[in-house]
C-alpha atoms as a PDB file:
ATOM      1  CA  MET A   1     -63.097  28.168  67.845  1.00  0.00           C
ATOM      2  CA  ALA A   2     -59.707  27.455  69.800  1.00  0.00           C
ATOM      3  CA  LEU A   3     -59.461  24.494  67.794  1.00  0.00           C
ATOM      4  CA  LEU A   4     -59.610  26.138  64.777  1.00  0.00           C
ATOM      5  CA  ASN A   5     -57.038  28.735  65.512  1.00  0.00           C
ATOM      6  CA  GLY A   6     -54.943  25.338  66.792  1.00  0.00           C
ATOM      7  CA  LEU A   7     -55.376  24.239  63.160  1.00  0.00           C
ATOM      8  CA  LEU A   8     -54.938  27.483  61.113  1.00  0.00           C
ATOM      9  CA  TRP A   9     -51.398  27.733  62.985  1.00  0.00           C
ATOM     10  CA  ARG A  10     -50.180  24.362  61.876  1.00  0.00           C
ATOM     11  CA  PHE A  11     -51.356  25.044  58.522  1.00  0.00           C
ATOM     12  CA  LEU A  12     -49.387  28.573  58.561  1.00  0.00           C
ATOM     13  CA  LEU A  13     -45.874  26.332  60.350  1.00  0.00           C
ATOM     14  CA  VAL A  14     -46.135  23.980  57.284  1.00  0.00           C
ATOM     15  CA  LEU A  15     -46.538  26.750  54.617  1.00  0.00           C
ATOM     16  CA  VAL A  16     -43.700  28.855  56.208  1.00  0.00           C
ATOM     17  CA  HIS A  17     -41.106  24.996  56.002  1.00  0.00           C
ATOM     18  CA  VAL A  18     -42.268  24.673  52.698  1.00  0.00           C
ATOM     19  CA  ASN A  19     -41.699  28.021  51.369  1.00  0.00           C
ATOM     20  CA  ARG A  20     -37.777  27.597  53.293  1.00  0.00           C
ATOM     21  CA  ALA A  21     -37.378  24.463  51.291  1.00  0.00           C
ATOM     22  CA  LEU A  22     -38.694  25.963  48.098  1.00  0.00           C
ATOM     23  CA  VAL A  23     -35.967  28.614  48.011  1.00  0.00           C
ATOM     24  CA  SER A  24     -33.317  26.634  48.955  1.00  0.00           C
ATOM     25  CA  TRP A  25     -33.995  24.207  46.209  1.00  0.00           C
ATOM     26  CA  LEU A  26     -34.272  27.072  43.952  1.00  0.00           C
ATOM     27  CA  ARG A  27     -30.955  28.637  45.552  1.00  0.00           C
ATOM     28  CA  VAL A  28     -28.662  25.493  44.571  1.00  0.00           C
ATOM     29  CA  TRP A  29     -29.940  25.376  41.207  1.00  0.00           C
ATOM     30  CA  LEU A  30     -29.145  28.514  40.076  1.00  0.00           C
ATOM     31  CA  ARG A  31     -25.885  28.001  41.647  1.00  0.00           C
ATOM     32  CA  SER A  32     -25.378  25.240  39.446  1.00  0.00           C
ATOM     33  CA  TRP A  33     -27.003  26.238  36.294  1.00  0.00           C
ATOM     34  CA  LYS A  34     -24.558  29.243  37.153  1.00  0.00           C
ATOM     35  CA  ASP A  35     -21.500  26.799  37.167  1.00  0.00           C
ATOM     36  CA  ARG A  36     -22.360  25.027  34.028  1.00  0.00           C
ATOM     37  CA  LEU A  37     -22.930  27.953  31.998  1.00  0.00           C
ATOM     38  CA  TRP A  38     -19.373  29.945  33.732  1.00  0.00           C
ATOM     39  CA  GLU A  39     -17.962  25.954  32.636  1.00  0.00           C
ATOM     40  CA  ARG A  40     -19.287  26.411  29.009  1.00  0.00           C
ATOM     41  CA  ALA A  41     -18.324  29.598  28.156  1.00  0.00           C
ATOM     42  CA  MET A  42     -14.762  29.027  29.007  1.00  0.00           C
ATOM     43  CA  ALA A  43     -14.585  26.010  27.454  1.00  0.00           C
ATOM     44  CA  ALA A  44     -15.923  28.108  24.219  1.00  0.00           C
ATOM     45  CA  LEU A  45     -13.025  30.597  24.923  1.00  0.00           C
ATOM     46  CA  LEU A  46     -10.235  27.890  25.284  1.00  0.00           C
ATOM     47  CA  LEU A  47     -11.403  25.816  22.747  1.00  0.00           C
ATOM     48  CA  PRO A  48      -9.809  27.588  19.676  1.00  0.00           C
ATOM     49  CA  VAL A  49      -6.381  28.053  21.680  1.00  0.00           C
ATOM     50  CA  ALA A  50      -6.473  24.408  22.465  1.00  0.00           C
ATOM     51  CA  LEU A  51      -6.914  23.472  18.963  1.00  0.00           C
ATOM     52  CA  THR A  52      -4.076  25.919  17.556  1.00  0.00           C
ATOM     53  CA  GLY A  53      -1.834  24.293  20.017  1.00  0.00           C
ATOM     54  CA  PHE A  54      -3.008  20.820  18.635  1.00  0.00           C
ATOM     55  CA  ALA A  55      -2.246  22.295  14.878  1.00  0.00           C
ATOM     56  CA  ASP A  56       0.652  23.420  15.830  1.00  0.00           C
ATOM     57  CA  HIS A  57       2.154  20.521  17.543  1.00  0.00           C
ATOM     58  CA  GLN A  58       0.988  18.170  14.232  1.00  0.00           C
ATOM     59  CA  LYS A  59       2.982  20.259  12.634  1.00  0.00           C
ATOM     60  CA  LYS A  60       6.128  19.840  14.294  1.00  0.00           C
ATOM     61  CA  LEU A  61       5.555  15.972  14.478  1.00  0.00           C
ATOM     62  CA  ASN A  62       4.969  16.159  10.448  1.00  0.00           C
ATOM     63  CA  HIS A  63       8.131  18.148  10.059  1.00  0.00           C
ATOM     64  CA  ASN A  64      10.119  15.679  12.278  1.00  0.00           C
ATOM     65  CA  PRO A  65       8.156  12.075  12.249  1.00  0.00           C
ATOM     66  CA  ASP A  66      11.072  10.200  14.088  1.00  0.00           C
ATOM     67  CA  ALA A  67      10.026  12.640  16.956  1.00  0.00           C
ATOM     68  CA  ASN A  68       6.832  10.634  17.268  1.00  0.00           C
ATOM     69  CA  ALA A  69       9.052   7.297  16.979  1.00  0.00           C
ATOM     70  CA  ASN A  70       7.840   4.538  19.653  1.00  0.00           C
ATOM     71  CA  PRO A  71      10.979   2.194  20.024  1.00  0.00           C
ATOM     72  CA  ALA A  72       7.803  -0.931  20.634  1.00  0.00           C
ATOM     73  CA  THR A  73       6.676  -0.078  16.741  1.00  0.00           C
ATOM     74  CA  GLY A  74      10.194  -0.198  15.494  1.00  0.00           C
ATOM     75  CA  ASN A  75      10.469  -3.846  17.025  1.00  0.00           C
ATOM     76  CA  HIS A  76       7.486  -4.761  15.751  1.00  0.00           C
ATOM     77  CA  ALA A  77       8.252  -3.537  12.246  1.00  0.00           C
ATOM     78  CA  ALA A  78      11.611  -5.566  12.876  1.00  0.00           C
ATOM     79  CA  GLY A  79      10.246  -8.644  14.006  1.00  0.00           C
ATOM     80  CA  ARG A  80       7.832  -8.435  10.886  1.00  0.00           C
ATOM     81  CA  ARG A  81      11.107  -8.412   8.301  1.00  0.00           C
ATOM     82  CA  SER A  82      12.608 -11.055  10.071  1.00  0.00           C
ATOM     83  CA  ARG A  83       9.367 -13.400   9.978  1.00  0.00           C
ATOM     84  CA  TRP A  84       8.858 -12.230   6.326  1.00  0.00           C
ATOM     85  CA  LEU A  85      12.180 -12.889   5.239  1.00  0.00           C
ATOM     86  CA  SER A  86      12.215 -16.361   7.474  1.00  0.00           C
ATOM     87  CA  ASP A  87       8.960 -17.032   5.474  1.00  0.00           C
ATOM     88  CA  GLY A  88      10.446 -16.735   1.687  1.00  0.00           C
ATOM     89  CA  ARG A  89      13.732 -19.113   3.174  1.00  0.00           C
ATOM     90  CA  SER A  90      11.151 -21.631   3.990  1.00  0.00           C
ATOM     91  CA  LEU A  91       9.680 -22.054   1.010  1.00  0.00           C
ATOM     92  CA  GLU A  92      10.372 -24.849  -1.634  1.00  0.00           C
ATOM     93  CA  LYS A  93      11.342 -22.436  -4.177  1.00  0.00           C
ATOM     94  CA  LEU A  94      11.336 -18.411  -4.515  1.00  0.00           C
ATOM     95  CA  PRO A  95      10.910 -16.901  -7.945  1.00  0.00           C
ATOM     96  CA  VAL A  96      13.668 -14.558  -8.906  1.00  0.00           C
ATOM     97  CA  HIS A  97      11.281 -12.716 -11.044  1.00  0.00           C
ATOM     98  CA  ILE A  98       7.790 -11.648 -10.095  1.00  0.00           C
ATOM     99  CA  GLY A  99       4.919 -10.324 -12.472  1.00  0.00           C
ATOM    100  CA  LEU A 100       1.769  -8.997 -10.752  1.00  0.00           C
ATOM    101  CA  LEU A 101      -1.260  -8.371 -13.716  1.00  0.00           C
ATOM    102  CA  VAL A 102      -3.846  -6.323 -12.755  1.00  0.00           C
ATOM    103  CA  ALA A 103      -6.720  -7.391 -15.034  1.00  0.00           C
ATOM    104  CA  GLU A 104      -9.390  -4.980 -12.811  1.00  0.00           C
ATOM    105  CA  GLU A 105     -10.743  -1.807 -13.791  1.00  0.00           C
ATOM    106  CA  GLU A 106      -9.896   0.367 -11.077  1.00  0.00           C
ATOM    107  CA  PRO A 107      -6.545  -0.426  -9.543  1.00  0.00           C
ATOM    108  CA  SER A 108      -5.521   0.295  -5.945  1.00  0.00           C
ATOM    109  CA  TYR A 109      -1.906   1.832  -5.760  1.00  0.00           C
ATOM    110  CA  THR A 110      -1.921   0.967  -1.796  1.00  0.00           C
ATOM    111  CA  ASP A 111      -2.719  -2.877  -2.518  1.00  0.00           C
ATOM    112  CA  ILE A 112      -0.299  -3.097  -5.229  1.00  0.00           C
ATOM    113  CA  ALA A 113       2.462  -1.451  -3.559  1.00  0.00           C
ATOM    114  CA  ASN A 114       1.477  -3.552  -0.004  1.00  0.00           C
ATOM    115  CA  LEU A 115       2.221  -6.450  -2.673  1.00  0.00           C
ATOM    116  CA  VAL A 116       5.772  -5.063  -3.807  1.00  0.00           C
ATOM    117  CA  VAL A 117       6.719  -4.860  -0.702  1.00  0.00           C
ATOM    118  CA  TRP A 118       5.787  -8.200   0.961  1.00  0.00           C
ATOM    119  CA  CYS A 119       7.442  -9.585  -2.332  1.00  0.00           C
ATOM    120  CA  MET A 120      11.030  -7.527  -1.421  1.00  0.00           C
ATOM    121  CA  ALA A 121      10.681  -8.377   2.148  1.00  0.00           C
ATOM    122  CA  VAL A 122      10.490 -12.170   1.512  1.00  0.00           C
ATOM    123  CA  GLY A 123      13.401 -12.125  -0.881  1.00  0.00           C
ATOM    124  CA  ILE A 124      12.043 -11.314  -4.638  1.00  0.00           C
ATOM    125  CA  SER A 125      14.797  -9.343  -6.540  1.00  0.00           C
ATOM    126  CA  TYR A 126      12.499  -8.279  -9.347  1.00  0.00           C
ATOM    127  CA  VAL A 127       8.539  -7.376  -8.979  1.00  0.00           C
ATOM    128  CA  SER A 128       6.933  -6.164 -12.359  1.00  0.00           C
ATOM    129  CA  VAL A 129       3.741  -4.462 -12.401  1.00  0.00           C
ATOM    130  CA  TYR A 130       1.434  -4.950 -15.522  1.00  0.00           C
ATOM    131  CA  ASP A 131      -2.285  -3.215 -16.404  1.00  0.00           C
ATOM    132  CA  ASN A 132      -3.921  -3.371 -19.906  1.00  0.00           C
ATOM    133  CA  HIS A 133      -5.143  -0.040 -19.891  1.00  0.00           C
ATOM    134  CA  GLY A 134      -1.505   1.034 -19.121  1.00  0.00           C
ATOM    135  CA  ILE A 135      -2.756   3.243 -15.687  1.00  0.00           C
ATOM    136  CA  PHE A 136       0.011   1.994 -13.410  1.00  0.00           C
ATOM    137  CA  ARG A 137       2.651   3.031 -16.345  1.00  0.00           C
ATOM    138  CA  LYS A 138       0.811   6.859 -16.557  1.00  0.00           C
ATOM    139  CA  ASN A 139       1.264   6.978 -13.295  1.00  0.00           C
ATOM    140  CA  ASN A 140       3.983   5.568 -12.075  1.00  0.00           C
ATOM    141  CA  SER A 141       5.315   8.149  -9.853  1.00  0.00           C
ATOM    142  CA  ARG A 142       1.865   8.060  -7.612  1.00  0.00           C
ATOM    143  CA  LEU A 143       2.908   4.083  -7.421  1.00  0.00           C
ATOM    144  CA  LEU A 144       6.434   4.997  -6.536  1.00  0.00           C
ATOM    145  CA  GLU A 145       5.503   7.523  -3.623  1.00  0.00           C
ATOM    146  CA  GLU A 146       2.992   4.402  -2.019  1.00  0.00           C
ATOM    147  CA  ILE A 147       5.547   2.174  -2.063  1.00  0.00           C
ATOM    148  CA  VAL A 148       7.547   4.476  -0.020  1.00  0.00           C
ATOM    149  CA  ARG A 149       4.982   4.658   2.021  1.00  0.00           C
ATOM    150  CA  GLN A 150       3.916   1.393   2.312  1.00  0.00           C
ATOM    151  CA  GLN A 151       7.535   0.449   2.697  1.00  0.00           C
ATOM    152  CA  GLN A 152       8.043   3.149   5.633  1.00  0.00           C
ATOM    153  CA  ASP A 153       4.792   1.374   7.432  1.00  0.00           C
ATOM    154  CA  LEU A 154       5.338  -1.926   7.287  1.00  0.00           C
ATOM    155  CA  LEU A 155       9.022  -2.460   7.045  1.00  0.00           C
ATOM    156  CA  GLY A 156      10.149   0.749   9.670  1.00  0.00           C
ATOM    157  CA  VAL A 157      12.490   3.601   9.398  1.00  0.00           C
ATOM    158  CA  ASP A 158      15.141   0.645   9.004  1.00  0.00           C
ATOM    159  CA  GLY A 159      14.326   0.191   5.524  1.00  0.00           C
ATOM    160  CA  SER A 160      15.585   3.899   4.676  1.00  0.00           C
ATOM    161  CA  LYS A 161      19.594   2.607   3.986  1.00  0.00           C
ATOM    162  CA  HIS A 162      18.474   1.145   1.252  1.00  0.00           C
ATOM    163  CA  SER A 163      17.493   1.835  -2.423  1.00  0.00           C
ATOM    164  CA  VAL A 164      15.111   0.477  -5.377  1.00  0.00           C
ATOM    165  CA  GLU A 165      15.710   0.631  -8.923  1.00  0.00           C
ATOM    166  CA  PHE A 166      12.642   1.482 -10.426  1.00  0.00           C
ATOM    167  CA  LEU A 167      12.299   1.356 -14.498  1.00  0.00           C
ATOM    168  CA  SER A 168       9.486   3.535 -15.410  1.00  0.00           C
ATOM    169  CA  ASN A 169       9.109   3.149 -18.626  1.00  0.00           C
ATOM    170  CA  GLY A 170      10.769   1.767 -22.898  1.00  0.00           C
ATOM    171  CA  SER A 171      14.012   2.940 -22.169  1.00  0.00           C
ATOM    172  CA  ASP A 172      14.665   1.722 -18.709  1.00  0.00           C
ATOM    173  CA  LYS A 173      15.598   5.002 -16.998  1.00  0.00           C
ATOM    174  CA  HIS A 174      16.495   4.127 -13.467  1.00  0.00           C
ATOM    175  CA  GLN A 175      15.444   6.309 -10.474  1.00  0.00           C
ATOM    176  CA  HIS A 176      16.470   5.097  -7.034  1.00  0.00           C
ATOM    177  CA  HIS A 177      14.162   5.784  -4.261  1.00  0.00           C
ATOM    178  CA  VAL A 178      13.681   4.314  -0.709  1.00  0.00           C
ATOM    179  CA  VAL A 179      12.533   0.947  -0.184  1.00  0.00           C
ATOM    180  CA  SER A 180      14.074  -2.045   1.753  1.00  0.00           C
ATOM    181  CA  CYS A 181      15.759  -4.592  -0.150  1.00  0.00           C
ATOM    182  CA  ARG A 182      17.580  -2.948  -3.498  1.00  0.00           C
ATOM    183  CA  PRO A 183      15.327  -5.022  -5.790  1.00  0.00           C
ATOM    184  CA  THR A 184      14.062  -4.191  -9.334  1.00  0.00           C
ATOM    185  CA  VAL A 185      10.317  -2.907  -9.758  1.00  0.00           C
ATOM    186  CA  LYS A 186       9.126  -2.509 -13.260  1.00  0.00           C
ATOM    187  CA  VAL A 187       5.995  -0.976 -14.642  1.00  0.00           C
ATOM    188  CA  LEU A 188       4.943  -2.651 -17.827  1.00  0.00           C
ATOM    189  CA  SER A 189       2.530  -2.033 -20.023  1.00  0.00           C
ATOM    190  CA  PRO A 190       1.012  -3.441 -23.623  1.00  0.00           C
ATOM    191  CA  GLU A 191       3.664  -1.242 -25.306  1.00  0.00           C
ATOM    192  CA  ASP A 192       6.067  -3.929 -23.715  1.00  0.00           C
ATOM    193  CA  GLY A 193       4.337  -6.973 -24.892  1.00  0.00           C
ATOM    194  CA  LYS A 194       3.470  -7.274 -28.709  1.00  0.00           C
ATOM    195  CA  GLN A 195       4.913  -3.884 -29.583  1.00  0.00           C
ATOM    196  CA  SER A 196       8.299  -4.612 -28.096  1.00  0.00           C
ATOM    197  CA  ILE A 197       8.107  -7.861 -30.856  1.00  0.00           C
ATOM    198  CA  VAL A 198       7.284  -5.506 -33.449  1.00  0.00           C
ATOM    199  CA  GLN A 199       9.738  -2.887 -32.913  1.00  0.00           C
ATOM    200  CA  ALA A 200      12.467  -5.737 -32.580  1.00  0.00           C
ATOM    201  CA  ALA A 201      11.561  -7.105 -35.526  1.00  0.00           C
ATOM    202  CA  GLN A 202      11.549  -3.571 -37.625  1.00  0.00           C
ATOM    203  CA  GLN A 203      15.299  -3.185 -36.467  1.00  0.00           C
ATOM    204  CA  LEU A 204      16.490  -6.303 -37.908  1.00  0.00           C
ATOM    205  CA  CYS A 205      14.546  -5.575 -40.882  1.00  0.00           C
ATOM    206  CA  ARG A 206      16.324  -1.992 -41.013  1.00  0.00           C
ATOM    207  CA  SER A 207      19.871  -3.683 -40.053  1.00  0.00           C
ATOM    208  CA  VAL A 208      19.462  -5.930 -43.107  1.00  0.00           C
ATOM    209  CA  GLU A 209      18.528  -2.786 -45.339  1.00  0.00           C
ATOM    210  CA  ASN A 210      21.281  -0.929 -44.036  1.00  0.00           C
ATOM    211  CA  LYS A 211      23.510  -3.871 -44.907  1.00  0.00           C
ATOM    212  CA  GLU A 212      24.803  -4.536 -41.219  1.00  0.00           C
ATOM    213  CA  ARG A 213      23.961  -8.016 -41.114  1.00  0.00           C
ATOM    214  CA  SER A 214      22.322 -10.658 -44.016  1.00  0.00           C
ATOM    215  CA  SER A 215      19.248 -11.712 -44.136  1.00  0.00           C
ATOM    216  CA  LYS A 216      20.471 -14.992 -43.535  1.00  0.00           C
ATOM    217  CA  ASP A 217      21.666 -14.010 -40.090  1.00  0.00           C
ATOM    218  CA  ILE A 218      17.868 -13.442 -38.931  1.00  0.00           C
ATOM    219  CA  SER A 219      16.656 -15.513 -36.342  1.00  0.00           C
ATOM    220  CA  VAL A 220      14.611 -16.620 -33.473  1.00  0.00           C
ATOM    221  CA  SER A 221      17.654 -16.805 -31.215  1.00  0.00           C
ATOM    222  CA  MET A 222      18.647 -13.077 -32.649  1.00  0.00           C
ATOM    223  CA  LEU A 223      14.972 -11.512 -31.984  1.00  0.00           C
ATOM    224  CA  ASP A 224      15.281 -13.437 -28.685  1.00  0.00           C
ATOM    225  CA  ILE A 225      18.512 -11.553 -27.701  1.00  0.00           C
ATOM    226  CA  LEU A 226      17.461  -8.014 -28.590  1.00  0.00           C
ATOM    227  CA  LEU A 227      13.815  -8.622 -27.114  1.00  0.00           C
ATOM    228  CA  ARG A 228      16.102  -9.614 -23.665  1.00  0.00           C
ATOM    229  CA  GLU A 229      18.040  -6.682 -24.224  1.00  0.00           C
ATOM    230  CA  SER A 230      15.399  -4.178 -24.516  1.00  0.00           C
ATOM    231  CA  LYS A 231      13.998  -5.647 -21.143  1.00  0.00           C
ATOM    232  CA  ASN A 232      17.168  -6.080 -19.128  1.00  0.00           C
ATOM    233  CA  ILE A 233      15.392  -8.228 -16.277  1.00  0.00           C
ATOM    234  CA  PRO A 234      15.150 -11.782 -16.002  1.00  0.00           C
ATOM    235  CA  ASP A 235      11.876 -14.059 -17.480  1.00  0.00           C
ATOM    236  CA  PRO A 236       9.424 -14.245 -14.663  1.00  0.00           C
ATOM    237  CA  GLU A 237       8.773 -17.376 -13.093  1.00  0.00           C
ATOM    238  CA  LEU A 238       5.183 -16.346 -11.249  1.00  0.00           C
ATOM    239  CA  VAL A 239       2.519 -14.382 -12.398  1.00  0.00           C
ATOM    240  CA  LEU A 240      -0.233 -13.459 -10.264  1.00  0.00           C
ATOM    241  CA  LYS A 241      -3.337 -12.180 -11.853  1.00  0.00           C
ATOM    242  CA  PHE A 242      -6.121 -10.618 -10.673  1.00  0.00           C
ATOM    243  CA  GLY A 243      -9.236 -10.275 -11.684  1.00  0.00           C
ATOM    244  CA  PRO A 244     -12.264 -12.449 -13.416  1.00  0.00           C
ATOM    245  CA  VAL A 245     -10.596 -12.228 -16.927  1.00  0.00           C
ATOM    246  CA  ASP A 246      -8.777 -15.505 -18.352  1.00  0.00           C
ATOM    247  CA  SER A 247      -6.191 -13.761 -20.301  1.00  0.00           C
ATOM    248  CA  THR A 248      -2.617 -12.356 -19.856  1.00  0.00           C
ATOM    249  CA  LEU A 249      -3.719  -9.718 -21.418  1.00  0.00           C
ATOM    250  CA  GLY A 250      -0.628  -9.349 -23.851  1.00  0.00           C
ATOM    251  CA  PHE A 251       1.706  -9.290 -20.563  1.00  0.00           C
ATOM    252  CA  LEU A 252       5.359  -9.860 -22.096  1.00  0.00           C
ATOM    253  CA  PRO A 253       4.196 -12.726 -24.568  1.00  0.00           C
ATOM    254  CA  TRP A 254       7.759 -13.353 -25.505  1.00  0.00           C
ATOM    255  CA  HIS A 255       9.136 -14.005 -22.205  1.00  0.00           C
ATOM    256  CA  ILE A 256       6.203 -15.765 -20.502  1.00  0.00           C
ATOM    257  CA  ARG A 257       6.683 -19.703 -22.084  1.00  0.00           C
ATOM    258  CA  LEU A 258       7.796 -21.273 -19.065  1.00  0.00           C
ATOM    259  CA  THR A 259       6.133 -18.750 -16.415  1.00  0.00           C
ATOM    260  CA  GLU A 260       3.763 -20.090 -13.961  1.00  0.00           C
ATOM    261  CA  PHE A 261       0.333 -18.253 -13.849  1.00  0.00           C
ATOM    262  CA  ILE A 262      -1.513 -18.478 -10.681  1.00  0.00           C
ATOM    263  CA  SER A 263      -4.890 -16.693 -10.871  1.00  0.00           C
ATOM    264  CA  LEU A 264      -6.722 -14.608  -7.571  1.00  0.00           C
ATOM    265  CA  PRO A 265      -9.921 -13.025  -7.282  1.00  0.00           C
ATOM    266  CA  SER A 266      -8.969  -9.545  -6.879  1.00  0.00           C
ATOM    267  CA  HIS A 267      -5.459  -7.521  -5.503  1.00  0.00           C
ATOM    268  CA  ARG A 268      -7.489  -5.327  -3.256  1.00  0.00           C
ATOM    269  CA  ASN A 269      -7.405  -6.309   0.512  1.00  0.00           C
ATOM    270  CA  MET A 270      -5.038  -8.760  -0.414  1.00  0.00           C
ATOM    271  CA  SER A 271      -3.039  -9.907   2.646  1.00  0.00           C
ATOM    272  CA  TYR A 272       0.098 -10.911   3.337  1.00  0.00           C
ATOM    273  CA  GLU A 273      -1.157 -14.441   4.345  1.00  0.00           C
ATOM    274  CA  ASP A 274      -2.728 -14.646   0.211  1.00  0.00           C
ATOM    275  CA  LEU A 275       0.336 -13.717  -1.000  1.00  0.00           C
ATOM    276  CA  LEU A 276       2.564 -16.408   1.310  1.00  0.00           C
ATOM    277  CA  GLY A 277      -0.404 -18.996   0.129  1.00  0.00           C
ATOM    278  CA  ALA A 278       0.451 -18.053  -3.141  1.00  0.00           C
ATOM    279  CA  LEU A 279       4.117 -18.153  -3.011  1.00  0.00           C
ATOM    280  CA  GLN A 280       3.428 -21.574  -1.230  1.00  0.00           C
ATOM    281  CA  ARG A 281       1.069 -22.649  -4.317  1.00  0.00           C
ATOM    282  CA  TYR A 282       4.266 -21.777  -6.621  1.00  0.00           C
ATOM    283  CA  GLY A 283       6.959 -23.594  -4.639  1.00  0.00           C
ATOM    284  CA  ALA A 284       4.898 -26.727  -4.432  1.00  0.00           C
ATOM    285  CA  CYS A 285       4.092 -26.983  -8.132  1.00  0.00           C
ATOM    286  CA  GLN A 286       5.986 -28.898 -10.649  1.00  0.00           C
ATOM    287  CA  GLN A 287       7.715 -27.640 -14.054  1.00  0.00           C
ATOM    288  CA  ARG A 288       7.859 -30.481 -16.311  1.00  0.00           C
ATOM    289  CA  LEU A 289       9.821 -27.904 -19.006  1.00  0.00           C
ATOM    290  CA  GLY A 290       8.602 -30.033 -22.141  1.00  0.00           C
ATOM    291  CA  GLN A 291       8.924 -33.462 -20.293  1.00  0.00           C
END
């Protein structure tokens, strides 16, 4: 009997210890759960305030982008400008006027703007952008905005000290905007090709009809003068054609008799190295000019 009482007493002691352990664990768990619940409640209350402050900060940055300017970024842009200009000087020959002929269905304004800015950076003075659907002509303001944006991104803030002459339509109205090195960008469409030849021929015929000149005065050289006056830019020495179509698609037919054409798969995702490679190919080619 005494043995049974001893065992029962020990069993009760074990139950007491287990009970105490369970109570202690429950207290710790409840305290931890309340802390997590409190943290989540505070986070839910403070998150809108933090987002509001972030939005205000973004507005200030958008209002004054130079406030977030990083000197290291500026140095990087200056280094790129110097390298690209050095690349242009290292070429055996650099075109004065380059044409970008897009023979693809959906042109990318950002990729074309990158190409235009890189052409400026290596020292090319005239850049013509052409597609046979006239998309860039119809949306020349959008293209210009993208050129300005990419110029700032690629060349840095220092490029804003210069302006570009942007020729956007048949009357060659000039627009001055922020780009890096005073080049001329011209947006072309099929109207500047065969249609310009027709218009020049009509002008000659009207001058004969009005007795302003004789029919004997009409010659190829006279037509050539009229066509060059209407474009007011030198003939392109190089045209980069993007896309699978093996055709000039009406790109300035009167002005490309000595132009070198280089075909590339696409203008999309073109890198600076791709452009430099095309310029190196042009620099290495020999133009015999009919000899």
